[in-house]
Amino acid sequence: MLPILIIIGYLIGSISSAILVCKAFGLPDPRTQGSNNPGATNVLRIGGKKAAAITLIGDGTKGAIPVLIAHYFGVDLFTLTLVALAAFLGHVYPIFFNFKGEKVWQHF
C-alpha cells in the first residue's frame, strides 16, 4: 500500500495549479512570463490577486488530498509523512513538466 500512496502523492503534487489557473483565466504561461516560475507569486504578477489566490489554494489542496487519502486508509504517521513528502517533491519536481516546477530550493 505504501508505494501506491507515495506514487499517488507524487502525481497529485506534480499537477501545476499555476499553469491550470493561467489557462483557465486566459493568462500567459507562468513559465514564460514574469519570473518564469510556475508559482502563486508569479501568477500574482501576471494575473492579479484572484488568480494568485486560486493558485495558492490549489497548491495547498494538492498537498492535502494525498494525505487525506492515506489517512482514510488508516496508515501511521510515518506513512502520512512520506506521502506528504512525495506530494511536495511532485510540486518541486513535477513529472508532467520535465521535473521543473517551483523554485523552492533557490533560497537555501
PDB file of N, CA and C in Angstrom:
ATOM      1  N   MET A   1       0.818  -1.204   0.000  1.00  0.00           N
ATOM      2  CA  MET A   1       0.000   0.000   0.000  1.00  0.00           C
ATOM      3  C   MET A   1       0.858   1.263   0.000  1.00  0.00           C
ATOM      4  N   LEU A   2       1.978   1.247   0.724  1.00  0.00           N
ATOM      5  CA  LEU A   2       2.832   2.425   0.825  1.00  0.00           C
ATOM      6  C   LEU A   2       3.317   2.907  -0.531  1.00  0.00           C
ATOM      7  N   PRO A   3       3.857   2.043  -1.400  1.00  0.00           N
ATOM      8  CA  PRO A   3       4.326   2.542  -2.705  1.00  0.00           C
ATOM      9  C   PRO A   3       3.214   3.197  -3.526  1.00  0.00           C
ATOM     10  N   ILE A   4       2.024   2.629  -3.464  1.00  0.00           N
ATOM     11  CA  ILE A   4       0.904   3.198  -4.226  1.00  0.00           C
ATOM     12  C   ILE A   4       0.549   4.580  -3.696  1.00  0.00           C
ATOM     13  N   LEU A   5       0.497   4.735  -2.385  1.00  0.00           N
ATOM     14  CA  LEU A   5       0.167   6.033  -1.791  1.00  0.00           C
ATOM     15  C   LEU A   5       1.241   7.073  -2.102  1.00  0.00           C
ATOM     16  N   ILE A   6       2.499   6.669  -2.106  1.00  0.00           N
ATOM     17  CA  ILE A   6       3.590   7.595  -2.433  1.00  0.00           C
ATOM     18  C   ILE A   6       3.490   8.030  -3.896  1.00  0.00           C
ATOM     19  N   ILE A   7       3.211   7.092  -4.774  1.00  0.00           N
ATOM     20  CA  ILE A   7       3.069   7.430  -6.196  1.00  0.00           C
ATOM     21  C   ILE A   7       1.880   8.366  -6.403  1.00  0.00           C
ATOM     22  N   ILE A   8       0.766   8.078  -5.747  1.00  0.00           N
ATOM     23  CA  ILE A   8      -0.409   8.956  -5.845  1.00  0.00           C
ATOM     24  C   ILE A   8      -0.063  10.352  -5.338  1.00  0.00           C
ATOM     25  N   GLY A   9       0.626  10.425  -4.199  1.00  0.00           N
ATOM     26  CA  GLY A   9       1.029  11.716  -3.652  1.00  0.00           C
ATOM     27  C   GLY A   9       1.913  12.487  -4.615  1.00  0.00           C
ATOM     28  N   TYR A  10       2.889  11.802  -5.202  1.00  0.00           N
ATOM     29  CA  TYR A  10       3.807  12.455  -6.142  1.00  0.00           C
ATOM     30  C   TYR A  10       3.048  12.950  -7.376  1.00  0.00           C
ATOM     31  N   LEU A  11       2.181  12.122  -7.928  1.00  0.00           N
ATOM     32  CA  LEU A  11       1.455  12.505  -9.145  1.00  0.00           C
ATOM     33  C   LEU A  11       0.498  13.672  -8.900  1.00  0.00           C
ATOM     34  N   ILE A  12      -0.198  13.655  -7.782  1.00  0.00           N
ATOM     35  CA  ILE A  12      -1.081  14.781  -7.462  1.00  0.00           C
ATOM     36  C   ILE A  12      -0.255  16.034  -7.216  1.00  0.00           C
ATOM     37  N   GLY A  13       0.867  15.888  -6.524  1.00  0.00           N
ATOM     38  CA  GLY A  13       1.747  17.029  -6.300  1.00  0.00           C
ATOM     39  C   GLY A  13       2.325  17.595  -7.581  1.00  0.00           C
ATOM     40  N   SER A  14       2.437  16.774  -8.614  1.00  0.00           N
ATOM     41  CA  SER A  14       3.004  17.204  -9.897  1.00  0.00           C
ATOM     42  C   SER A  14       2.055  18.064 -10.730  1.00  0.00           C
ATOM     43  N   ILE A  15       0.794  18.102 -10.355  1.00  0.00           N
ATOM     44  CA  ILE A  15      -0.161  18.935 -11.092  1.00  0.00           C
ATOM     45  C   ILE A  15       0.156  20.399 -10.793  1.00  0.00           C
ATOM     46  N   SER A  16       0.323  21.198 -11.824  1.00  0.00           N
ATOM     47  CA  SER A  16       0.673  22.604 -11.626  1.00  0.00           C
ATOM     48  C   SER A  16      -0.573  23.467 -11.536  1.00  0.00           C
ATOM     49  N   SER A  17      -0.873  23.920 -10.342  1.00  0.00           N
ATOM     50  CA  SER A  17      -2.016  24.811 -10.140  1.00  0.00           C
ATOM     51  C   SER A  17      -1.833  26.103 -10.913  1.00  0.00           C
ATOM     52  N   ALA A  18      -0.616  26.610 -10.937  1.00  0.00           N
ATOM     53  CA  ALA A  18      -0.340  27.883 -11.619  1.00  0.00           C
ATOM     54  C   ALA A  18      -0.650  27.792 -13.104  1.00  0.00           C
ATOM     55  N   ILE A  19      -0.210  26.720 -13.736  1.00  0.00           N
ATOM     56  CA  ILE A  19      -0.440  26.572 -15.170  1.00  0.00           C
ATOM     57  C   ILE A  19      -1.926  26.372 -15.452  1.00  0.00           C
ATOM     58  N   LEU A  20      -2.602  25.573 -14.642  1.00  0.00           N
ATOM     59  CA  LEU A  20      -4.040  25.356 -14.837  1.00  0.00           C
ATOM     60  C   LEU A  20      -4.835  26.650 -14.645  1.00  0.00           C
ATOM     61  N   VAL A  21      -4.499  27.407 -13.614  1.00  0.00           N
ATOM     62  CA  VAL A  21      -5.208  28.665 -13.358  1.00  0.00           C
ATOM     63  C   VAL A  21      -4.953  29.651 -14.496  1.00  0.00           C
ATOM     64  N   CYS A  22      -3.727  29.742 -14.941  1.00  0.00           N
ATOM     65  CA  CYS A  22      -3.419  30.667 -16.032  1.00  0.00           C
ATOM     66  C   CYS A  22      -4.175  30.285 -17.303  1.00  0.00           C
ATOM     67  N   LYS A  23      -4.252  29.000 -17.593  1.00  0.00           N
ATOM     68  CA  LYS A  23      -5.022  28.559 -18.770  1.00  0.00           C
ATOM     69  C   LYS A  23      -6.503  28.903 -18.592  1.00  0.00           C
ATOM     70  N   ALA A  24      -7.037  28.661 -17.409  1.00  0.00           N
ATOM     71  CA  ALA A  24      -8.453  28.929 -17.150  1.00  0.00           C
ATOM     72  C   ALA A  24      -8.782  30.418 -17.251  1.00  0.00           C
ATOM     73  N   PHE A  25      -7.840  31.277 -16.861  1.00  0.00           N
ATOM     74  CA  PHE A  25      -8.064  32.719 -16.879  1.00  0.00           C
ATOM     75  C   PHE A  25      -7.607  33.365 -18.186  1.00  0.00           C
ATOM     76  N   GLY A  26      -7.088  32.551 -19.109  1.00  0.00           N
ATOM     77  CA  GLY A  26      -6.608  33.098 -20.379  1.00  0.00           C
ATOM     78  C   GLY A  26      -5.334  33.914 -20.233  1.00  0.00           C
ATOM     79  N   LEU A  27      -4.546  33.571 -19.222  1.00  0.00           N
ATOM     80  CA  LEU A  27      -3.292  34.283 -18.966  1.00  0.00           C
ATOM     81  C   LEU A  27      -2.130  33.563 -19.659  1.00  0.00           C
ATOM     82  N   PRO A  28      -1.016  34.253 -19.831  1.00  0.00           N
ATOM     83  CA  PRO A  28       0.140  33.577 -20.422  1.00  0.00           C
ATOM     84  C   PRO A  28       0.711  32.510 -19.489  1.00  0.00           C
ATOM     85  N   ASP A  29       1.440  31.592 -20.061  1.00  0.00           N
ATOM     86  CA  ASP A  29       2.082  30.524 -19.291  1.00  0.00           C
ATOM     87  C   ASP A  29       3.047  31.151 -18.284  1.00  0.00           C
ATOM     88  N   PRO A  30       2.900  30.854 -16.998  1.00  0.00           N
ATOM     89  CA  PRO A  30       3.772  31.491 -15.999  1.00  0.00           C
ATOM     90  C   PRO A  30       5.233  31.070 -16.122  1.00  0.00           C
ATOM     91  N   ARG A  31       5.506  30.018 -16.874  1.00  0.00           N
ATOM     92  CA  ARG A  31       6.895  29.600 -17.087  1.00  0.00           C
ATOM     93  C   ARG A  31       7.593  30.472 -18.118  1.00  0.00           C
ATOM     94  N   THR A  32       6.818  31.328 -18.805  1.00  0.00           N
ATOM     95  CA  THR A  32       7.403  32.181 -19.847  1.00  0.00           C
ATOM     96  C   THR A  32       7.206  33.666 -19.570  1.00  0.00           C
ATOM     97  N   GLN A  33       6.608  34.025 -18.457  1.00  0.00           N
ATOM     98  CA  GLN A  33       6.324  35.415 -18.114  1.00  0.00           C
ATOM     99  C   GLN A  33       6.818  35.716 -16.697  1.00  0.00           C
ATOM    100  N   GLY A  34       6.999  36.974 -16.398  1.00  0.00           N
ATOM    101  CA  GLY A  34       7.413  37.382 -15.058  1.00  0.00           C
ATOM    102  C   GLY A  34       8.731  36.754 -14.659  1.00  0.00           C
ATOM    103  N   SER A  35       8.728  36.011 -13.560  1.00  0.00           N
ATOM    104  CA  SER A  35       9.950  35.363 -13.069  1.00  0.00           C
ATOM    105  C   SER A  35      10.183  33.996 -13.720  1.00  0.00           C
ATOM    106  N   ASN A  36       9.289  33.595 -14.609  1.00  0.00           N
ATOM    107  CA  ASN A  36       9.348  32.277 -15.270  1.00  0.00           C
ATOM    108  C   ASN A  36       9.176  31.126 -14.285  1.00  0.00           C
ATOM    109  N   ASN A  37       8.580  31.412 -13.155  1.00  0.00           N
ATOM    110  CA  ASN A  37       8.361  30.411 -12.117  1.00  0.00           C
ATOM    111  C   ASN A  37       6.867  30.091 -12.035  1.00  0.00           C
ATOM    112  N   PRO A  38       6.495  28.819 -12.165  1.00  0.00           N
ATOM    113  CA  PRO A  38       5.076  28.481 -12.083  1.00  0.00           C
ATOM    114  C   PRO A  38       4.591  28.423 -10.640  1.00  0.00           C
ATOM    115  N   GLY A  39       4.502  29.573 -10.024  1.00  0.00           N
ATOM    116  CA  GLY A  39       4.065  29.643  -8.634  1.00  0.00           C
ATOM    117  C   GLY A  39       3.078  30.765  -8.420  1.00  0.00           C
ATOM    118  N   ALA A  40       2.505  30.809  -7.234  1.00  0.00           N
ATOM    119  CA  ALA A  40       1.464  31.787  -6.921  1.00  0.00           C
ATOM    120  C   ALA A  40       1.971  33.225  -6.999  1.00  0.00           C
ATOM    121  N   THR A  41       3.207  33.467  -6.593  1.00  0.00           N
ATOM    122  CA  THR A  41       3.736  34.836  -6.646  1.00  0.00           C
ATOM    123  C   THR A  41       3.840  35.328  -8.077  1.00  0.00           C
ATOM    124  N   ASN A  42       4.289  34.459  -8.965  1.00  0.00           N
ATOM    125  CA  ASN A  42       4.382  34.859 -10.364  1.00  0.00           C
ATOM    126  C   ASN A  42       2.995  35.016 -10.981  1.00  0.00           C
ATOM    127  N   VAL A  43       2.059  34.180 -10.597  1.00  0.00           N
ATOM    128  CA  VAL A  43       0.677  34.334 -11.084  1.00  0.00           C
ATOM    129  C   VAL A  43       0.115  35.663 -10.596  1.00  0.00           C
ATOM    130  N   LEU A  44       0.468  36.068  -9.382  1.00  0.00           N
ATOM    131  CA  LEU A  44       0.058  37.378  -8.877  1.00  0.00           C
ATOM    132  C   LEU A  44       0.583  38.479  -9.795  1.00  0.00           C
ATOM    133  N   ARG A  45       1.836  38.366 -10.213  1.00  0.00           N
ATOM    134  CA  ARG A  45       2.435  39.362 -11.106  1.00  0.00           C
ATOM    135  C   ARG A  45       1.701  39.450 -12.440  1.00  0.00           C
ATOM    136  N   ILE A  46       1.397  38.298 -13.013  1.00  0.00           N
ATOM    137  CA  ILE A  46       0.862  38.311 -14.378  1.00  0.00           C
ATOM    138  C   ILE A  46      -0.663  38.253 -14.444  1.00  0.00           C
ATOM    139  N   GLY A  47      -1.321  37.879 -13.331  1.00  0.00           N
ATOM    140  CA  GLY A  47      -2.766  37.706 -13.404  1.00  0.00           C
ATOM    141  C   GLY A  47      -3.585  38.357 -12.316  1.00  0.00           C
ATOM    142  N   GLY A  48      -2.927  38.855 -11.275  1.00  0.00           N
ATOM    143  CA  GLY A  48      -3.670  39.524 -10.219  1.00  0.00           C
ATOM    144  C   GLY A  48      -3.963  38.643  -9.009  1.00  0.00           C
ATOM    145  N   LYS A  49      -4.631  39.262  -8.033  1.00  0.00           N
ATOM    146  CA  LYS A  49      -4.864  38.624  -6.740  1.00  0.00           C
ATOM    147  C   LYS A  49      -5.779  37.402  -6.808  1.00  0.00           C
ATOM    148  N   LYS A  50      -6.842  37.483  -7.591  1.00  0.00           N
ATOM    149  CA  LYS A  50      -7.788  36.379  -7.654  1.00  0.00           C
ATOM    150  C   LYS A  50      -7.112  35.123  -8.209  1.00  0.00           C
ATOM    151  N   ALA A  51      -6.390  35.272  -9.309  1.00  0.00           N
ATOM    152  CA  ALA A  51      -5.699  34.125  -9.916  1.00  0.00           C
ATOM    153  C   ALA A  51      -4.636  33.580  -8.967  1.00  0.00           C
ATOM    154  N   ALA A  52      -3.921  34.459  -8.282  1.00  0.00           N
ATOM    155  CA  ALA A  52      -2.883  34.027  -7.346  1.00  0.00           C
ATOM    156  C   ALA A  52      -3.491  33.285  -6.156  1.00  0.00           C
ATOM    157  N   ALA A  53      -4.620  33.786  -5.640  1.00  0.00           N
ATOM    158  CA  ALA A  53      -5.277  33.135  -4.507  1.00  0.00           C
ATOM    159  C   ALA A  53      -5.757  31.735  -4.890  1.00  0.00           C
ATOM    160  N   ILE A  54      -6.322  31.603  -6.068  1.00  0.00           N
ATOM    161  CA  ILE A  54      -6.781  30.288  -6.525  1.00  0.00           C
ATOM    162  C   ILE A  54      -5.590  29.345  -6.699  1.00  0.00           C
ATOM    163  N   THR A  55      -4.489  29.874  -7.215  1.00  0.00           N
ATOM    164  CA  THR A  55      -3.268  29.067  -7.366  1.00  0.00           C
ATOM    165  C   THR A  55      -2.764  28.593  -6.007  1.00  0.00           C
ATOM    166  N   LEU A  56      -2.727  29.486  -5.048  1.00  0.00           N
ATOM    167  CA  LEU A  56      -2.256  29.138  -3.711  1.00  0.00           C
ATOM    168  C   LEU A  56      -3.155  28.094  -3.053  1.00  0.00           C
ATOM    169  N   ILE A  57      -4.447  28.260  -3.190  1.00  0.00           N
ATOM    170  CA  ILE A  57      -5.387  27.272  -2.649  1.00  0.00           C
ATOM    171  C   ILE A  57      -5.201  25.931  -3.356  1.00  0.00           C
ATOM    172  N   GLY A  58      -5.020  25.977  -4.668  1.00  0.00           N
ATOM    173  CA  GLY A  58      -4.785  24.750  -5.427  1.00  0.00           C
ATOM    174  C   GLY A  58      -3.522  24.037  -4.984  1.00  0.00           C
ATOM    175  N   ASP A  59      -2.455  24.806  -4.727  1.00  0.00           N
ATOM    176  CA  ASP A  59      -1.208  24.199  -4.260  1.00  0.00           C
ATOM    177  C   ASP A  59      -1.389  23.544  -2.892  1.00  0.00           C
ATOM    178  N   GLY A  60      -2.106  24.195  -2.011  1.00  0.00           N
ATOM    179  CA  GLY A  60      -2.357  23.609  -0.693  1.00  0.00           C
ATOM    180  C   GLY A  60      -3.233  22.373  -0.775  1.00  0.00           C
ATOM    181  N   THR A  61      -4.220  22.438  -1.638  1.00  0.00           N
ATOM    182  CA  THR A  61      -5.145  21.317  -1.800  1.00  0.00           C
ATOM    183  C   THR A  61      -4.447  20.092  -2.367  1.00  0.00           C
ATOM    184  N   LYS A  62      -3.552  20.310  -3.334  1.00  0.00           N
ATOM    185  CA  LYS A  62      -2.876  19.155  -3.929  1.00  0.00           C
ATOM    186  C   LYS A  62      -1.890  18.519  -2.953  1.00  0.00           C
ATOM    187  N   GLY A  63      -1.530  19.218  -1.901  1.00  0.00           N
ATOM    188  CA  GLY A  63      -0.739  18.614  -0.838  1.00  0.00           C
ATOM    189  C   GLY A  63      -1.612  17.889   0.171  1.00  0.00           C
ATOM    190  N   ALA A  64      -2.810  18.425   0.395  1.00  0.00           N
ATOM    191  CA  ALA A  64      -3.710  17.839   1.394  1.00  0.00           C
ATOM    192  C   ALA A  64      -4.411  16.582   0.887  1.00  0.00           C
ATOM    193  N   ILE A  65      -4.767  16.564  -0.373  1.00  0.00           N
ATOM    194  CA  ILE A  65      -5.540  15.431  -0.910  1.00  0.00           C
ATOM    195  C   ILE A  65      -4.820  14.093  -0.734  1.00  0.00           C
ATOM    196  N   PRO A  66      -3.542  13.963  -1.108  1.00  0.00           N
ATOM    197  CA  PRO A  66      -2.887  12.666  -0.911  1.00  0.00           C
ATOM    198  C   PRO A  66      -2.802  12.252   0.564  1.00  0.00           C
ATOM    199  N   VAL A  67      -2.599  13.226   1.432  1.00  0.00           N
ATOM    200  CA  VAL A  67      -2.523  12.926   2.867  1.00  0.00           C
ATOM    201  C   VAL A  67      -3.890  12.468   3.375  1.00  0.00           C
ATOM    202  N   LEU A  68      -4.944  13.114   2.926  1.00  0.00           N
ATOM    203  CA  LEU A  68      -6.288  12.698   3.330  1.00  0.00           C
ATOM    204  C   LEU A  68      -6.627  11.305   2.797  1.00  0.00           C
ATOM    205  N   ILE A  69      -6.192  11.008   1.581  1.00  0.00           N
ATOM    206  CA  ILE A  69      -6.406   9.665   1.033  1.00  0.00           C
ATOM    207  C   ILE A  69      -5.682   8.634   1.890  1.00  0.00           C
ATOM    208  N   ALA A  70      -4.419   8.917   2.223  1.00  0.00           N
ATOM    209  CA  ALA A  70      -3.653   7.985   3.057  1.00  0.00           C
ATOM    210  C   ALA A  70      -4.289   7.845   4.436  1.00  0.00           C
ATOM    211  N   HIS A  71      -4.729   8.953   4.994  1.00  0.00           N
ATOM    212  CA  HIS A  71      -5.379   8.923   6.310  1.00  0.00           C
ATOM    213  C   HIS A  71      -6.660   8.070   6.258  1.00  0.00           C
ATOM    214  N   TYR A  72      -7.384   8.176   5.182  1.00  0.00           N
ATOM    215  CA  TYR A  72      -8.603   7.379   5.008  1.00  0.00           C
ATOM    216  C   TYR A  72      -8.302   5.883   5.132  1.00  0.00           C
ATOM    217  N   PHE A  73      -7.143   5.470   4.628  1.00  0.00           N
ATOM    218  CA  PHE A  73      -6.760   4.064   4.696  1.00  0.00           C
ATOM    219  C   PHE A  73      -6.133   3.691   6.039  1.00  0.00           C
ATOM    220  N   GLY A  74      -6.066   4.635   6.963  1.00  0.00           N
ATOM    221  CA  GLY A  74      -5.635   4.341   8.324  1.00  0.00           C
ATOM    222  C   GLY A  74      -4.148   4.082   8.490  1.00  0.00           C
ATOM    223  N   VAL A  75      -3.333   4.715   7.675  1.00  0.00           N
ATOM    224  CA  VAL A  75      -1.891   4.492   7.779  1.00  0.00           C
ATOM    225  C   VAL A  75      -1.314   5.249   8.974  1.00  0.00           C
ATOM    226  N   ASP A  76      -0.112   4.890   9.352  1.00  0.00           N
ATOM    227  CA  ASP A  76       0.526   5.527  10.509  1.00  0.00           C
ATOM    228  C   ASP A  76       1.121   6.890  10.137  1.00  0.00           C
ATOM    229  N   LEU A  77       1.598   7.592  11.143  1.00  0.00           N
ATOM    230  CA  LEU A  77       2.133   8.941  10.957  1.00  0.00           C
ATOM    231  C   LEU A  77       3.346   8.956  10.025  1.00  0.00           C
ATOM    232  N   PHE A  78       4.198   7.961  10.134  1.00  0.00           N
ATOM    233  CA  PHE A  78       5.378   7.899   9.267  1.00  0.00           C
ATOM    234  C   PHE A  78       4.962   7.808   7.801  1.00  0.00           C
ATOM    235  N   THR A  79       3.978   6.984   7.510  1.00  0.00           N
ATOM    236  CA  THR A  79       3.489   6.844   6.132  1.00  0.00           C
ATOM    237  C   THR A  79       2.846   8.135   5.658  1.00  0.00           C
ATOM    238  N   LEU A  80       2.059   8.787   6.517  1.00  0.00           N
ATOM    239  CA  LEU A  80       1.475  10.079   6.161  1.00  0.00           C
ATOM    240  C   LEU A  80       2.563  11.090   5.814  1.00  0.00           C
ATOM    241  N   THR A  81       3.642  11.070   6.588  1.00  0.00           N
ATOM    242  CA  THR A  81       4.753  11.980   6.340  1.00  0.00           C
ATOM    243  C   THR A  81       5.403  11.694   4.991  1.00  0.00           C
ATOM    244  N   LEU A  82       5.588  10.425   4.659  1.00  0.00           N
ATOM    245  CA  LEU A  82       6.173  10.060   3.364  1.00  0.00           C
ATOM    246  C   LEU A  82       5.269  10.478   2.210  1.00  0.00           C
ATOM    247  N   VAL A  83       3.971  10.333   2.383  1.00  0.00           N
ATOM    248  CA  VAL A  83       3.024  10.740   1.343  1.00  0.00           C
ATOM    249  C   VAL A  83       3.066  12.261   1.165  1.00  0.00           C
ATOM    250  N   ALA A  84       3.114  12.993   2.266  1.00  0.00           N
ATOM    251  CA  ALA A  84       3.218  14.456   2.189  1.00  0.00           C
ATOM    252  C   ALA A  84       4.522  14.861   1.510  1.00  0.00           C
ATOM    253  N   LEU A  85       5.613  14.194   1.843  1.00  0.00           N
ATOM    254  CA  LEU A  85       6.903  14.485   1.211  1.00  0.00           C
ATOM    255  C   LEU A  85       6.847  14.196  -0.286  1.00  0.00           C
ATOM    256  N   ALA A  86       6.188  13.114  -0.666  1.00  0.00           N
ATOM    257  CA  ALA A  86       6.054  12.778  -2.087  1.00  0.00           C
ATOM    258  C   ALA A  86       5.263  13.862  -2.821  1.00  0.00           C
ATOM    259  N   ALA A  87       4.204  14.378  -2.206  1.00  0.00           N
ATOM    260  CA  ALA A  87       3.431  15.460  -2.822  1.00  0.00           C
ATOM    261  C   ALA A  87       4.284  16.711  -2.973  1.00  0.00           C
ATOM    262  N   PHE A  88       5.076  17.013  -1.963  1.00  0.00           N
ATOM    263  CA  PHE A  88       5.981  18.168  -2.025  1.00  0.00           C
ATOM    264  C   PHE A  88       7.005  17.998  -3.141  1.00  0.00           C
ATOM    265  N   LEU A  89       7.590  16.812  -3.230  1.00  0.00           N
ATOM    266  CA  LEU A  89       8.578  16.565  -4.291  1.00  0.00           C
ATOM    267  C   LEU A  89       7.932  16.627  -5.669  1.00  0.00           C
ATOM    268  N   GLY A  90       6.678  16.192  -5.778  1.00  0.00           N
ATOM    269  CA  GLY A  90       5.959  16.334  -7.033  1.00  0.00           C
ATOM    270  C   GLY A  90       5.741  17.790  -7.391  1.00  0.00           C
ATOM    271  N   HIS A  91       5.515  18.621  -6.390  1.00  0.00           N
ATOM    272  CA  HIS A  91       5.337  20.060  -6.595  1.00  0.00           C
ATOM    273  C   HIS A  91       6.630  20.702  -7.089  1.00  0.00           C
ATOM    274  N   VAL A  92       7.740  20.314  -6.507  1.00  0.00           N
ATOM    275  CA  VAL A  92       9.027  20.904  -6.851  1.00  0.00           C
ATOM    276  C   VAL A  92       9.601  20.298  -8.136  1.00  0.00           C
ATOM    277  N   TYR A  93       9.419  18.997  -8.319  1.00  0.00           N
ATOM    278  CA  TYR A  93       9.950  18.278  -9.483  1.00  0.00           C
ATOM    279  C   TYR A  93       8.824  17.516 -10.188  1.00  0.00           C
ATOM    280  N   PRO A  94       7.909  18.235 -10.857  1.00  0.00           N
ATOM    281  CA  PRO A  94       6.755  17.567 -11.461  1.00  0.00           C
ATOM    282  C   PRO A  94       7.118  16.754 -12.704  1.00  0.00           C
ATOM    283  N   ILE A  95       6.684  15.536 -12.726  1.00  0.00           N
ATOM    284  CA  ILE A  95       6.954  14.653 -13.859  1.00  0.00           C
ATOM    285  C   ILE A  95       6.300  15.184 -15.138  1.00  0.00           C
ATOM    286  N   PHE A  96       5.172  15.873 -15.006  1.00  0.00           N
ATOM    287  CA  PHE A  96       4.441  16.355 -16.174  1.00  0.00           C
ATOM    288  C   PHE A  96       5.134  17.521 -16.878  1.00  0.00           C
ATOM    289  N   PHE A  97       6.107  18.138 -16.225  1.00  0.00           N
ATOM    290  CA  PHE A  97       6.792  19.300 -16.796  1.00  0.00           C
ATOM    291  C   PHE A  97       8.306  19.125 -16.752  1.00  0.00           C
ATOM    292  N   ASN A  98       8.759  17.931 -17.102  1.00  0.00           N
ATOM    293  CA  ASN A  98      10.195  17.626 -17.174  1.00  0.00           C
ATOM    294  C   ASN A  98      10.929  17.913 -15.869  1.00  0.00           C
ATOM    295  N   PHE A  99      10.262  17.669 -14.761  1.00  0.00           N
ATOM    296  CA  PHE A  99      10.839  17.825 -13.422  1.00  0.00           C
ATOM    297  C   PHE A  99      11.250  19.264 -13.107  1.00  0.00           C
ATOM    298  N   LYS A 100      10.586  20.237 -13.747  1.00  0.00           N
ATOM    299  CA  LYS A 100      10.862  21.654 -13.494  1.00  0.00           C
ATOM    300  C   LYS A 100       9.591  22.297 -12.944  1.00  0.00           C
ATOM    301  N   GLY A 101       9.584  22.502 -11.642  1.00  0.00           N
ATOM    302  CA  GLY A 101       8.409  23.096 -11.008  1.00  0.00           C
ATOM    303  C   GLY A 101       8.784  24.322 -10.223  1.00  0.00           C
ATOM    304  N   GLU A 102       8.225  24.450  -9.047  1.00  0.00           N
ATOM    305  CA  GLU A 102       8.516  25.581  -8.166  1.00  0.00           C
ATOM    306  C   GLU A 102      10.002  25.652  -7.844  1.00  0.00           C
ATOM    307  N   LYS A 103      10.494  26.864  -7.724  1.00  0.00           N
ATOM    308  CA  LYS A 103      11.904  27.056  -7.408  1.00  0.00           C
ATOM    309  C   LYS A 103      12.091  27.223  -5.899  1.00  0.00           C
ATOM    310  N   VAL A 104      11.676  26.218  -5.166  1.00  0.00           N
ATOM    311  CA  VAL A 104      11.713  26.257  -3.704  1.00  0.00           C
ATOM    312  C   VAL A 104      13.140  26.309  -3.188  1.00  0.00           C
ATOM    313  N   TRP A 105      14.032  25.613  -3.846  1.00  0.00           N
ATOM    314  CA  TRP A 105      15.400  25.434  -3.330  1.00  0.00           C
ATOM    315  C   TRP A 105      16.284  26.646  -3.565  1.00  0.00           C
ATOM    316  N   GLN A 106      15.885  27.632  -4.352  1.00  0.00           N
ATOM    317  CA  GLN A 106      16.763  28.752  -4.654  1.00  0.00           C
ATOM    318  C   GLN A 106      17.099  29.597  -3.427  1.00  0.00           C
ATOM    319  N   HIS A 107      16.330  29.486  -2.374  1.00  0.00           N
ATOM    320  CA  HIS A 107      16.558  30.291  -1.184  1.00  0.00           C
ATOM    321  C   HIS A 107      17.469  29.617  -0.172  1.00  0.00           C
ATOM    322  N   PHE A 108      17.868  28.379  -0.428  1.00  0.00           N
ATOM    323  CA  PHE A 108      18.686  27.643   0.543  1.00  0.00           C
ATOM    324  C   PHE A 108      20.139  27.638   0.147  1.00  0.00           C
TER     325      PHE A 108
END
